[in-house]
Amino acid sequence: MVTEPQIWTIIGVLAATLVGMVTLTVTLTNRTIVTAVQGLRGELGGQIMALRGELLGEVNSLRAEMNARFDAVNTRIDALDRDVQVVSAEVFGRPRG
């Protein structure tokens, strides 16, 4: 029965085969997961760089638009200041000097 050497040999071979199959399965699964994660990192890295470039472009566009609007407001304020000085000179008279 279980005391026969052939039985123990078969049990040892089956146990070694089981351990080998589990080791092989775990190793292959690990390699597959690592490869998938690396591919995902590469893909996300490219998308992040593209989004960053797009965002920088939008910010620069917004900055240029705001600078143009501030320049327009400054021009209008300068014109208003000049007009107020002319009106003040007319209303209060020109300083004599």
PDB file of N, CA and C in Angstrom:
ATOM      1  N   MET A   1       0.813  -1.177   0.000  1.00  0.00           N
ATOM      2  CA  MET A   1       0.000   0.000   0.000  1.00  0.00           C
ATOM      3  C   MET A   1       0.872   1.263   0.000  1.00  0.00           C
ATOM      4  N   VAL A   2       0.783   2.086   1.071  1.00  0.00           N
ATOM      5  CA  VAL A   2       1.527   3.336   1.114  1.00  0.00           C
ATOM      6  C   VAL A   2       2.977   3.077   1.521  1.00  0.00           C
ATOM      7  N   THR A   3       3.297   1.900   1.864  1.00  0.00           N
ATOM      8  CA  THR A   3       4.671   1.600   2.265  1.00  0.00           C
ATOM      9  C   THR A   3       5.547   1.240   1.079  1.00  0.00           C
ATOM     10  N   GLU A   4       4.979   1.103  -0.073  1.00  0.00           N
ATOM     11  CA  GLU A   4       5.750   0.736  -1.258  1.00  0.00           C
ATOM     12  C   GLU A   4       6.568   1.928  -1.743  1.00  0.00           C
ATOM     13  N   PRO A   5       7.822   1.720  -2.135  1.00  0.00           N
ATOM     14  CA  PRO A   5       8.666   2.823  -2.612  1.00  0.00           C
ATOM     15  C   PRO A   5       8.126   3.459  -3.896  1.00  0.00           C
ATOM     16  N   GLN A   6       7.487   2.705  -4.745  1.00  0.00           N
ATOM     17  CA  GLN A   6       6.948   3.272  -5.978  1.00  0.00           C
ATOM     18  C   GLN A   6       5.839   4.305  -5.688  1.00  0.00           C
ATOM     19  N   ILE A   7       5.052   4.049  -4.670  1.00  0.00           N
ATOM     20  CA  ILE A   7       3.978   4.978  -4.285  1.00  0.00           C
ATOM     21  C   ILE A   7       4.593   6.298  -3.833  1.00  0.00           C
ATOM     22  N   TRP A   8       5.639   6.216  -2.986  1.00  0.00           N
ATOM     23  CA  TRP A   8       6.295   7.430  -2.492  1.00  0.00           C
ATOM     24  C   TRP A   8       6.982   8.180  -3.643  1.00  0.00           C
ATOM     25  N   THR A   9       7.489   7.464  -4.578  1.00  0.00           N
ATOM     26  CA  THR A   9       8.109   8.106  -5.742  1.00  0.00           C
ATOM     27  C   THR A   9       7.053   8.849  -6.555  1.00  0.00           C
ATOM     28  N   ILE A  10       5.910   8.229  -6.774  1.00  0.00           N
ATOM     29  CA  ILE A  10       4.825   8.870  -7.525  1.00  0.00           C
ATOM     30  C   ILE A  10       4.309  10.102  -6.765  1.00  0.00           C
ATOM     31  N   ILE A  11       4.171   9.981  -5.442  1.00  0.00           N
ATOM     32  CA  ILE A  11       3.722  11.129  -4.631  1.00  0.00           C
ATOM     33  C   ILE A  11       4.727  12.271  -4.749  1.00  0.00           C
ATOM     34  N   GLY A  12       6.023  11.969  -4.692  1.00  0.00           N
ATOM     35  CA  GLY A  12       7.072  13.000  -4.824  1.00  0.00           C
ATOM     36  C   GLY A  12       7.050  13.662  -6.191  1.00  0.00           C
ATOM     37  N   VAL A  13       6.894  12.855  -7.240  1.00  0.00           N
ATOM     38  CA  VAL A  13       6.843  13.411  -8.597  1.00  0.00           C
ATOM     39  C   VAL A  13       5.610  14.297  -8.755  1.00  0.00           C
ATOM     40  N   LEU A  14       4.473  13.856  -8.262  1.00  0.00           N
ATOM     41  CA  LEU A  14       3.258  14.673  -8.358  1.00  0.00           C
ATOM     42  C   LEU A  14       3.382  15.973  -7.551  1.00  0.00           C
ATOM     43  N   ALA A  15       3.987  15.894  -6.364  1.00  0.00           N
ATOM     44  CA  ALA A  15       4.173  17.098  -5.540  1.00  0.00           C
ATOM     45  C   ALA A  15       5.126  18.071  -6.237  1.00  0.00           C
ATOM     46  N   ALA A  16       6.221  17.565  -6.804  1.00  0.00           N
ATOM     47  CA  ALA A  16       7.171  18.427  -7.512  1.00  0.00           C
ATOM     48  C   ALA A  16       6.514  19.064  -8.738  1.00  0.00           C
ATOM     49  N   THR A  17       5.698  18.284  -9.439  1.00  0.00           N
ATOM     50  CA  THR A  17       4.986  18.808 -10.605  1.00  0.00           C
ATOM     51  C   THR A  17       4.012  19.901 -10.188  1.00  0.00           C
ATOM     52  N   LEU A  18       3.301  19.692  -9.091  1.00  0.00           N
ATOM     53  CA  LEU A  18       2.349  20.685  -8.599  1.00  0.00           C
ATOM     54  C   LEU A  18       3.065  21.975  -8.221  1.00  0.00           C
ATOM     55  N   VAL A  19       4.174  21.853  -7.482  1.00  0.00           N
ATOM     56  CA  VAL A  19       4.936  23.041  -7.078  1.00  0.00           C
ATOM     57  C   VAL A  19       5.482  23.755  -8.314  1.00  0.00           C
ATOM     58  N   GLY A  20       5.974  22.997  -9.271  1.00  0.00           N
ATOM     59  CA  GLY A  20       6.490  23.596 -10.504  1.00  0.00           C
ATOM     60  C   GLY A  20       5.414  24.327 -11.281  1.00  0.00           C
ATOM     61  N   MET A  21       4.247  23.754 -11.382  1.00  0.00           N
ATOM     62  CA  MET A  21       3.145  24.391 -12.111  1.00  0.00           C
ATOM     63  C   MET A  21       2.674  25.665 -11.404  1.00  0.00           C
ATOM     64  N   VAL A  22       2.598  25.610 -10.086  1.00  0.00           N
ATOM     65  CA  VAL A  22       2.198  26.814  -9.335  1.00  0.00           C
ATOM     66  C   VAL A  22       3.247  27.909  -9.524  1.00  0.00           C
ATOM     67  N   THR A  23       4.518  27.554  -9.447  1.00  0.00           N
ATOM     68  CA  THR A  23       5.596  28.528  -9.631  1.00  0.00           C
ATOM     69  C   THR A  23       5.541  29.123 -11.033  1.00  0.00           C
ATOM     70  N   LEU A  24       5.372  28.278 -12.034  1.00  0.00           N
ATOM     71  CA  LEU A  24       5.296  28.759 -13.410  1.00  0.00           C
ATOM     72  C   LEU A  24       4.094  29.676 -13.619  1.00  0.00           C
ATOM     73  N   THR A  25       2.960  29.312 -13.069  1.00  0.00           N
ATOM     74  CA  THR A  25       1.744  30.126 -13.209  1.00  0.00           C
ATOM     75  C   THR A  25       1.924  31.491 -12.544  1.00  0.00           C
ATOM     76  N   VAL A  26       2.475  31.494 -11.341  1.00  0.00           N
ATOM     77  CA  VAL A  26       2.686  32.760 -10.630  1.00  0.00           C
ATOM     78  C   VAL A  26       3.680  33.630 -11.385  1.00  0.00           C
ATOM     79  N   THR A  27       4.759  33.055 -11.877  1.00  0.00           N
ATOM     80  CA  THR A  27       5.773  33.820 -12.610  1.00  0.00           C
ATOM     81  C   THR A  27       5.195  34.424 -13.885  1.00  0.00           C
ATOM     82  N   LEU A  28       4.474  33.626 -14.648  1.00  0.00           N
ATOM     83  CA  LEU A  28       3.893  34.138 -15.894  1.00  0.00           C
ATOM     84  C   LEU A  28       2.834  35.206 -15.629  1.00  0.00           C
ATOM     85  N   THR A  29       2.039  35.013 -14.595  1.00  0.00           N
ATOM     86  CA  THR A  29       1.032  36.015 -14.232  1.00  0.00           C
ATOM     87  C   THR A  29       1.708  37.316 -13.821  1.00  0.00           C
ATOM     88  N   ASN A  30       2.777  37.205 -13.046  1.00  0.00           N
ATOM     89  CA  ASN A  30       3.508  38.390 -12.602  1.00  0.00           C
ATOM     90  C   ASN A  30       4.089  39.143 -13.803  1.00  0.00           C
ATOM     91  N   ARG A  31       4.678  38.418 -14.744  1.00  0.00           N
ATOM     92  CA  ARG A  31       5.246  39.061 -15.929  1.00  0.00           C
ATOM     93  C   ARG A  31       4.157  39.747 -16.753  1.00  0.00           C
ATOM     94  N   THR A  32       3.024  39.112 -16.873  1.00  0.00           N
ATOM     95  CA  THR A  32       1.918  39.695 -17.632  1.00  0.00           C
ATOM     96  C   THR A  32       1.433  40.978 -16.981  1.00  0.00           C
ATOM     97  N   ILE A  33       1.298  40.967 -15.671  1.00  0.00           N
ATOM     98  CA  ILE A  33       0.834  42.158 -14.946  1.00  0.00           C
ATOM     99  C   ILE A  33       1.851  43.285 -15.062  1.00  0.00           C
ATOM    100  N   VAL A  34       3.138  42.967 -14.909  1.00  0.00           N
ATOM    101  CA  VAL A  34       4.183  43.995 -15.010  1.00  0.00           C
ATOM    102  C   VAL A  34       4.188  44.608 -16.405  1.00  0.00           C
ATOM    103  N   THR A  35       4.072  43.783 -17.432  1.00  0.00           N
ATOM    104  CA  THR A  35       4.042  44.293 -18.805  1.00  0.00           C
ATOM    105  C   THR A  35       2.827  45.185 -19.044  1.00  0.00           C
ATOM    106  N   ALA A  36       1.687  44.781 -18.538  1.00  0.00           N
ATOM    107  CA  ALA A  36       0.469  45.584 -18.708  1.00  0.00           C
ATOM    108  C   ALA A  36       0.591  46.923 -17.982  1.00  0.00           C
ATOM    109  N   VAL A  37       1.152  46.915 -16.794  1.00  0.00           N
ATOM    110  CA  VAL A  37       1.307  48.160 -16.024  1.00  0.00           C
ATOM    111  C   VAL A  37       2.294  49.094 -16.724  1.00  0.00           C
ATOM    112  N   GLN A  38       3.384  48.542 -17.248  1.00  0.00           N
ATOM    113  CA  GLN A  38       4.347  49.381 -17.957  1.00  0.00           C
ATOM    114  C   GLN A  38       3.730  49.999 -19.207  1.00  0.00           C
ATOM    115  N   GLY A  39       2.941  49.219 -19.934  1.00  0.00           N
ATOM    116  CA  GLY A  39       2.252  49.769 -21.101  1.00  0.00           C
ATOM    117  C   GLY A  39       1.274  50.856 -20.722  1.00  0.00           C
ATOM    118  N   LEU A  40       0.575  50.653 -19.634  1.00  0.00           N
ATOM    119  CA  LEU A  40      -0.385  51.655 -19.161  1.00  0.00           C
ATOM    120  C   LEU A  40       0.327  52.928 -18.729  1.00  0.00           C
ATOM    121  N   ARG A  41       1.463  52.770 -18.051  1.00  0.00           N
ATOM    122  CA  ARG A  41       2.244  53.947 -17.643  1.00  0.00           C
ATOM    123  C   ARG A  41       2.716  54.729 -18.865  1.00  0.00           C
ATOM    124  N   GLY A  42       3.194  54.019 -19.879  1.00  0.00           N
ATOM    125  CA  GLY A  42       3.642  54.694 -21.089  1.00  0.00           C
ATOM    126  C   GLY A  42       2.523  55.435 -21.778  1.00  0.00           C
ATOM    127  N   GLU A  43       1.365  54.796 -21.864  1.00  0.00           N
ATOM    128  CA  GLU A  43       0.217  55.420 -22.510  1.00  0.00           C
ATOM    129  C   GLU A  43      -0.262  56.633 -21.720  1.00  0.00           C
ATOM    130  N   LEU A  44      -0.362  56.491 -20.410  1.00  0.00           N
ATOM    131  CA  LEU A  44      -0.798  57.612 -19.573  1.00  0.00           C
ATOM    132  C   LEU A  44       0.218  58.737 -19.592  1.00  0.00           C
ATOM    133  N   GLY A  45       1.507  58.384 -19.616  1.00  0.00           N
ATOM    134  CA  GLY A  45       2.541  59.418 -19.669  1.00  0.00           C
ATOM    135  C   GLY A  45       2.411  60.264 -20.919  1.00  0.00           C
ATOM    136  N   GLY A  46       2.152  59.615 -22.041  1.00  0.00           N
ATOM    137  CA  GLY A  46       1.967  60.360 -23.284  1.00  0.00           C
ATOM    138  C   GLY A  46       0.736  61.247 -23.250  1.00  0.00           C
ATOM    139  N   GLN A  47      -0.343  60.728 -22.684  1.00  0.00           N
ATOM    140  CA  GLN A  47      -1.570  61.520 -22.603  1.00  0.00           C
ATOM    141  C   GLN A  47      -1.405  62.692 -21.640  1.00  0.00           C
ATOM    142  N   ILE A  48      -0.681  62.468 -20.563  1.00  0.00           N
ATOM    143  CA  ILE A  48      -0.463  63.551 -19.598  1.00  0.00           C
ATOM    144  C   ILE A  48       0.370  64.652 -20.239  1.00  0.00           C
ATOM    145  N   MET A  49       1.394  64.265 -21.002  1.00  0.00           N
ATOM    146  CA  MET A  49       2.216  65.274 -21.663  1.00  0.00           C
ATOM    147  C   MET A  49       1.385  66.051 -22.695  1.00  0.00           C
ATOM    148  N   ALA A  50       0.509  65.355 -23.405  1.00  0.00           N
ATOM    149  CA  ALA A  50      -0.345  66.031 -24.386  1.00  0.00           C
ATOM    150  C   ALA A  50      -1.298  66.999 -23.684  1.00  0.00           C
ATOM    151  N   LEU A  51      -1.887  66.562 -22.581  1.00  0.00           N
ATOM    152  CA  LEU A  51      -2.796  67.437 -21.831  1.00  0.00           C
ATOM    153  C   LEU A  51      -2.052  68.634 -21.260  1.00  0.00           C
ATOM    154  N   ARG A  52      -0.830  68.404 -20.804  1.00  0.00           N
ATOM    155  CA  ARG A  52      -0.036  69.508 -20.253  1.00  0.00           C
ATOM    156  C   ARG A  52       0.258  70.541 -21.336  1.00  0.00           C
ATOM    157  N   GLY A  53       0.636  70.065 -22.524  1.00  0.00           N
ATOM    158  CA  GLY A  53       0.889  70.986 -23.628  1.00  0.00           C
ATOM    159  C   GLY A  53      -0.347  71.764 -24.018  1.00  0.00           C
ATOM    160  N   GLU A  54      -1.476  71.079 -24.054  1.00  0.00           N
ATOM    161  CA  GLU A  54      -2.735  71.740 -24.393  1.00  0.00           C
ATOM    162  C   GLU A  54      -3.100  72.791 -23.345  1.00  0.00           C
ATOM    163  N   LEU A  55      -2.919  72.436 -22.082  1.00  0.00           N
ATOM    164  CA  LEU A  55      -3.230  73.374 -21.002  1.00  0.00           C
ATOM    165  C   LEU A  55      -2.318  74.592 -21.051  1.00  0.00           C
ATOM    166  N   LEU A  56      -1.030  74.377 -21.307  1.00  0.00           N
ATOM    167  CA  LEU A  56      -0.111  75.510 -21.410  1.00  0.00           C
ATOM    168  C   LEU A  56      -0.491  76.408 -22.581  1.00  0.00           C
ATOM    169  N   GLY A  57      -0.910  75.811 -23.684  1.00  0.00           N
ATOM    170  CA  GLY A  57      -1.355  76.608 -24.826  1.00  0.00           C
ATOM    171  C   GLY A  57      -2.573  77.447 -24.482  1.00  0.00           C
ATOM    172  N   GLU A  58      -3.522  76.848 -23.776  1.00  0.00           N
ATOM    173  CA  GLU A  58      -4.722  77.580 -23.376  1.00  0.00           C
ATOM    174  C   GLU A  58      -4.375  78.720 -22.411  1.00  0.00           C
ATOM    175  N   VAL A  59      -3.493  78.469 -21.470  1.00  0.00           N
ATOM    176  CA  VAL A  59      -3.103  79.505 -20.507  1.00  0.00           C
ATOM    177  C   VAL A  59      -2.396  80.650 -21.225  1.00  0.00           C
ATOM    178  N   ASN A  60      -1.504  80.317 -22.152  1.00  0.00           N
ATOM    179  CA  ASN A  60      -0.808  81.370 -22.893  1.00  0.00           C
ATOM    180  C   ASN A  60      -1.780  82.176 -23.741  1.00  0.00           C
ATOM    181  N   SER A  61      -2.759  81.521 -24.340  1.00  0.00           N
ATOM    182  CA  SER A  61      -3.775  82.214 -25.121  1.00  0.00           C
ATOM    183  C   SER A  61      -4.591  83.154 -24.235  1.00  0.00           C
ATOM    184  N   LEU A  62      -4.977  82.650 -23.072  1.00  0.00           N
ATOM    185  CA  LEU A  62      -5.734  83.471 -22.128  1.00  0.00           C
ATOM    186  C   LEU A  62      -4.907  84.655 -21.655  1.00  0.00           C
ATOM    187  N   ARG A  63      -3.629  84.428 -21.397  1.00  0.00           N
ATOM    188  CA  ARG A  63      -2.738  85.507 -20.962  1.00  0.00           C
ATOM    189  C   ARG A  63      -2.642  86.590 -22.037  1.00  0.00           C
ATOM    190  N   ALA A  64      -2.497  86.194 -23.297  1.00  0.00           N
ATOM    191  CA  ALA A  64      -2.411  87.169 -24.386  1.00  0.00           C
ATOM    192  C   ALA A  64      -3.707  87.955 -24.514  1.00  0.00           C
ATOM    193  N   GLU A  65      -4.838  87.269 -24.403  1.00  0.00           N
ATOM    194  CA  GLU A  65      -6.131  87.953 -24.501  1.00  0.00           C
ATOM    195  C   GLU A  65      -6.312  88.953 -23.356  1.00  0.00           C
ATOM    196  N   MET A  66      -5.943  88.535 -22.142  1.00  0.00           N
ATOM    197  CA  MET A  66      -6.088  89.437 -20.993  1.00  0.00           C
ATOM    198  C   MET A  66      -5.153  90.640 -21.114  1.00  0.00           C
ATOM    199  N   ASN A  67      -3.925  90.411 -21.594  1.00  0.00           N
ATOM    200  CA  ASN A  67      -3.004  91.537 -21.791  1.00  0.00           C
ATOM    201  C   ASN A  67      -3.556  92.521 -22.813  1.00  0.00           C
ATOM    202  N   ALA A  68      -4.158  92.004 -23.886  1.00  0.00           N
ATOM    203  CA  ALA A  68      -4.749  92.880 -24.896  1.00  0.00           C
ATOM    204  C   ALA A  68      -5.900  93.691 -24.292  1.00  0.00           C
ATOM    205  N   ARG A  69      -6.704  93.046 -23.472  1.00  0.00           N
ATOM    206  CA  ARG A  69      -7.827  93.770 -22.851  1.00  0.00           C
ATOM    207  C   ARG A  69      -7.333  94.820 -21.858  1.00  0.00           C
ATOM    208  N   PHE A  70      -6.306  94.499 -21.082  1.00  0.00           N
ATOM    209  CA  PHE A  70      -5.748  95.477 -20.148  1.00  0.00           C
ATOM    210  C   PHE A  70      -5.147  96.665 -20.897  1.00  0.00           C
ATOM    211  N   ASP A  71      -4.484  96.384 -22.017  1.00  0.00           N
ATOM    212  CA  ASP A  71      -3.928  97.475 -22.810  1.00  0.00           C
ATOM    213  C   ASP A  71      -5.038  98.377 -23.331  1.00  0.00           C
ATOM    214  N   ALA A  72      -6.144  97.783 -23.763  1.00  0.00           N
ATOM    215  CA  ALA A  72      -7.277  98.576 -24.257  1.00  0.00           C
ATOM    216  C   ALA A  72      -7.865  99.431 -23.139  1.00  0.00           C
ATOM    217  N   VAL A  73      -7.990  98.868 -21.956  1.00  0.00           N
ATOM    218  CA  VAL A  73      -8.522  99.635 -20.814  1.00  0.00           C
ATOM    219  C   VAL A  73      -7.561 100.760 -20.448  1.00  0.00           C
ATOM    220  N   ASN A  74      -6.268 100.477 -20.448  1.00  0.00           N
ATOM    221  CA  ASN A  74      -5.285 101.517 -20.139  1.00  0.00           C
ATOM    222  C   ASN A  74      -5.356 102.655 -21.156  1.00  0.00           C
ATOM    223  N   THR A  75      -5.541 102.327 -22.421  1.00  0.00           N
ATOM    224  CA  THR A  75      -5.666 103.355 -23.463  1.00  0.00           C
ATOM    225  C   THR A  75      -6.902 104.208 -23.219  1.00  0.00           C
ATOM    226  N   ARG A  76      -8.012 103.570 -22.868  1.00  0.00           N
ATOM    227  CA  ARG A  76      -9.243 104.315 -22.612  1.00  0.00           C
ATOM    228  C   ARG A  76      -9.102 105.203 -21.377  1.00  0.00           C
ATOM    229  N   ILE A  77      -8.406 104.679 -20.345  1.00  0.00           N
ATOM    230  CA  ILE A  77      -8.210 105.486 -19.130  1.00  0.00           C
ATOM    231  C   ILE A  77      -7.327 106.692 -19.437  1.00  0.00           C
ATOM    232  N   ASP A  78      -6.284 106.488 -20.249  1.00  0.00           N
ATOM    233  CA  ASP A  78      -5.418 107.612 -20.624  1.00  0.00           C
ATOM    234  C   ASP A  78      -6.201 108.672 -21.389  1.00  0.00           C
ATOM    235  N   ALA A  79      -7.070 108.240 -22.305  1.00  0.00           N
ATOM    236  CA  ALA A  79      -7.888 109.181 -23.071  1.00  0.00           C
ATOM    237  C   ALA A  79      -8.861 109.905 -22.144  1.00  0.00           C
ATOM    238  N   LEU A  80      -9.448 109.180 -21.195  1.00  0.00           N
ATOM    239  CA  LEU A  80     -10.375 109.792 -20.242  1.00  0.00           C
ATOM    240  C   LEU A  80      -9.649 110.808 -19.370  1.00  0.00           C
ATOM    241  N   ASP A  81      -8.437 110.486 -18.950  1.00  0.00           N
ATOM    242  CA  ASP A  81      -7.646 111.417 -18.129  1.00  0.00           C
ATOM    243  C   ASP A  81      -7.352 112.699 -18.906  1.00  0.00           C
ATOM    244  N   ARG A  82      -6.997 112.555 -20.165  1.00  0.00           N
ATOM    245  CA  ARG A  82      -6.716 113.713 -21.010  1.00  0.00           C
ATOM    246  C   ARG A  82      -7.969 114.564 -21.167  1.00  0.00           C
ATOM    247  N   ASP A  83      -9.124 113.904 -21.375  1.00  0.00           N
ATOM    248  CA  ASP A  83     -10.382 114.649 -21.529  1.00  0.00           C
ATOM    249  C   ASP A  83     -10.753 115.378 -20.243  1.00  0.00           C
ATOM    250  N   VAL A  84     -10.552 114.735 -19.091  1.00  0.00           N
ATOM    251  CA  VAL A  84     -10.864 115.368 -17.803  1.00  0.00           C
ATOM    252  C   VAL A  84      -9.959 116.572 -17.573  1.00  0.00           C
ATOM    253  N   GLN A  85      -8.714 116.484 -17.975  1.00  0.00           N
ATOM    254  CA  GLN A  85      -7.809 117.624 -17.806  1.00  0.00           C
ATOM    255  C   GLN A  85      -8.236 118.809 -18.675  1.00  0.00           C
ATOM    256  N   VAL A  86      -8.701 118.503 -19.890  1.00  0.00           N
ATOM    257  CA  VAL A  86      -9.177 119.572 -20.778  1.00  0.00           C
ATOM    258  C   VAL A  86     -10.423 120.222 -20.194  1.00  0.00           C
ATOM    259  N   VAL A  87     -11.371 119.401 -19.712  1.00  0.00           N
ATOM    260  CA  VAL A  87     -12.604 119.943 -19.118  1.00  0.00           C
ATOM    261  C   VAL A  87     -12.277 120.751 -17.871  1.00  0.00           C
ATOM    262  N   SER A  88     -11.372 120.240 -17.021  1.00  0.00           N
ATOM    263  CA  SER A  88     -11.006 120.982 -15.801  1.00  0.00           C
ATOM    264  C   SER A  88     -10.370 122.316 -16.146  1.00  0.00           C
ATOM    265  N   ALA A  89      -9.557 122.338 -17.171  1.00  0.00           N
ATOM    266  CA  ALA A  89      -8.913 123.591 -17.550  1.00  0.00           C
ATOM    267  C   ALA A  89      -9.957 124.592 -18.042  1.00  0.00           C
ATOM    268  N   GLU A  90     -10.975 124.078 -18.740  1.00  0.00           N
ATOM    269  CA  GLU A  90     -12.019 124.971 -19.240  1.00  0.00           C
ATOM    270  C   GLU A  90     -12.906 125.471 -18.101  1.00  0.00           C
ATOM    271  N   VAL A  91     -13.236 124.591 -17.165  1.00  0.00           N
ATOM    272  CA  VAL A  91     -14.160 124.958 -16.089  1.00  0.00           C
ATOM    273  C   VAL A  91     -13.442 125.839 -15.065  1.00  0.00           C
ATOM    274  N   PHE A  92     -12.279 125.444 -14.634  1.00  0.00           N
ATOM    275  CA  PHE A  92     -11.593 126.159 -13.570  1.00  0.00           C
ATOM    276  C   PHE A  92     -10.573 127.168 -14.085  1.00  0.00           C
ATOM    277  N   GLY A  93     -10.416 127.229 -15.332  1.00  0.00           N
ATOM    278  CA  GLY A  93      -9.465 128.185 -15.918  1.00  0.00           C
ATOM    279  C   GLY A  93      -8.070 127.588 -15.977  1.00  0.00           C
ATOM    280  N   ARG A  94      -7.330 128.138 -16.834  1.00  0.00           N
ATOM    281  CA  ARG A  94      -5.952 127.661 -16.995  1.00  0.00           C
ATOM    282  C   ARG A  94      -5.098 128.310 -15.924  1.00  0.00           C
ATOM    283  N   PRO A  95      -4.160 127.517 -15.383  1.00  0.00           N
ATOM    284  CA  PRO A  95      -3.283 128.124 -14.382  1.00  0.00           C
ATOM    285  C   PRO A  95      -2.401 129.188 -15.032  1.00  0.00           C
ATOM    286  N   ARG A  96      -2.238 130.264 -14.317  1.00  0.00           N
ATOM    287  CA  ARG A  96      -1.423 131.332 -14.861  1.00  0.00           C
ATOM    288  C   ARG A  96      -0.021 131.165 -14.341  1.00  0.00           C
ATOM    289  N   GLY A  97       0.852 131.260 -15.191  1.00  0.00           N
ATOM    290  CA  GLY A  97       2.216 131.049 -14.734  1.00  0.00           C
ATOM    291  C   GLY A  97       3.225 131.851 -15.454  1.00  0.00           C
TER     292      GLY A  97
END
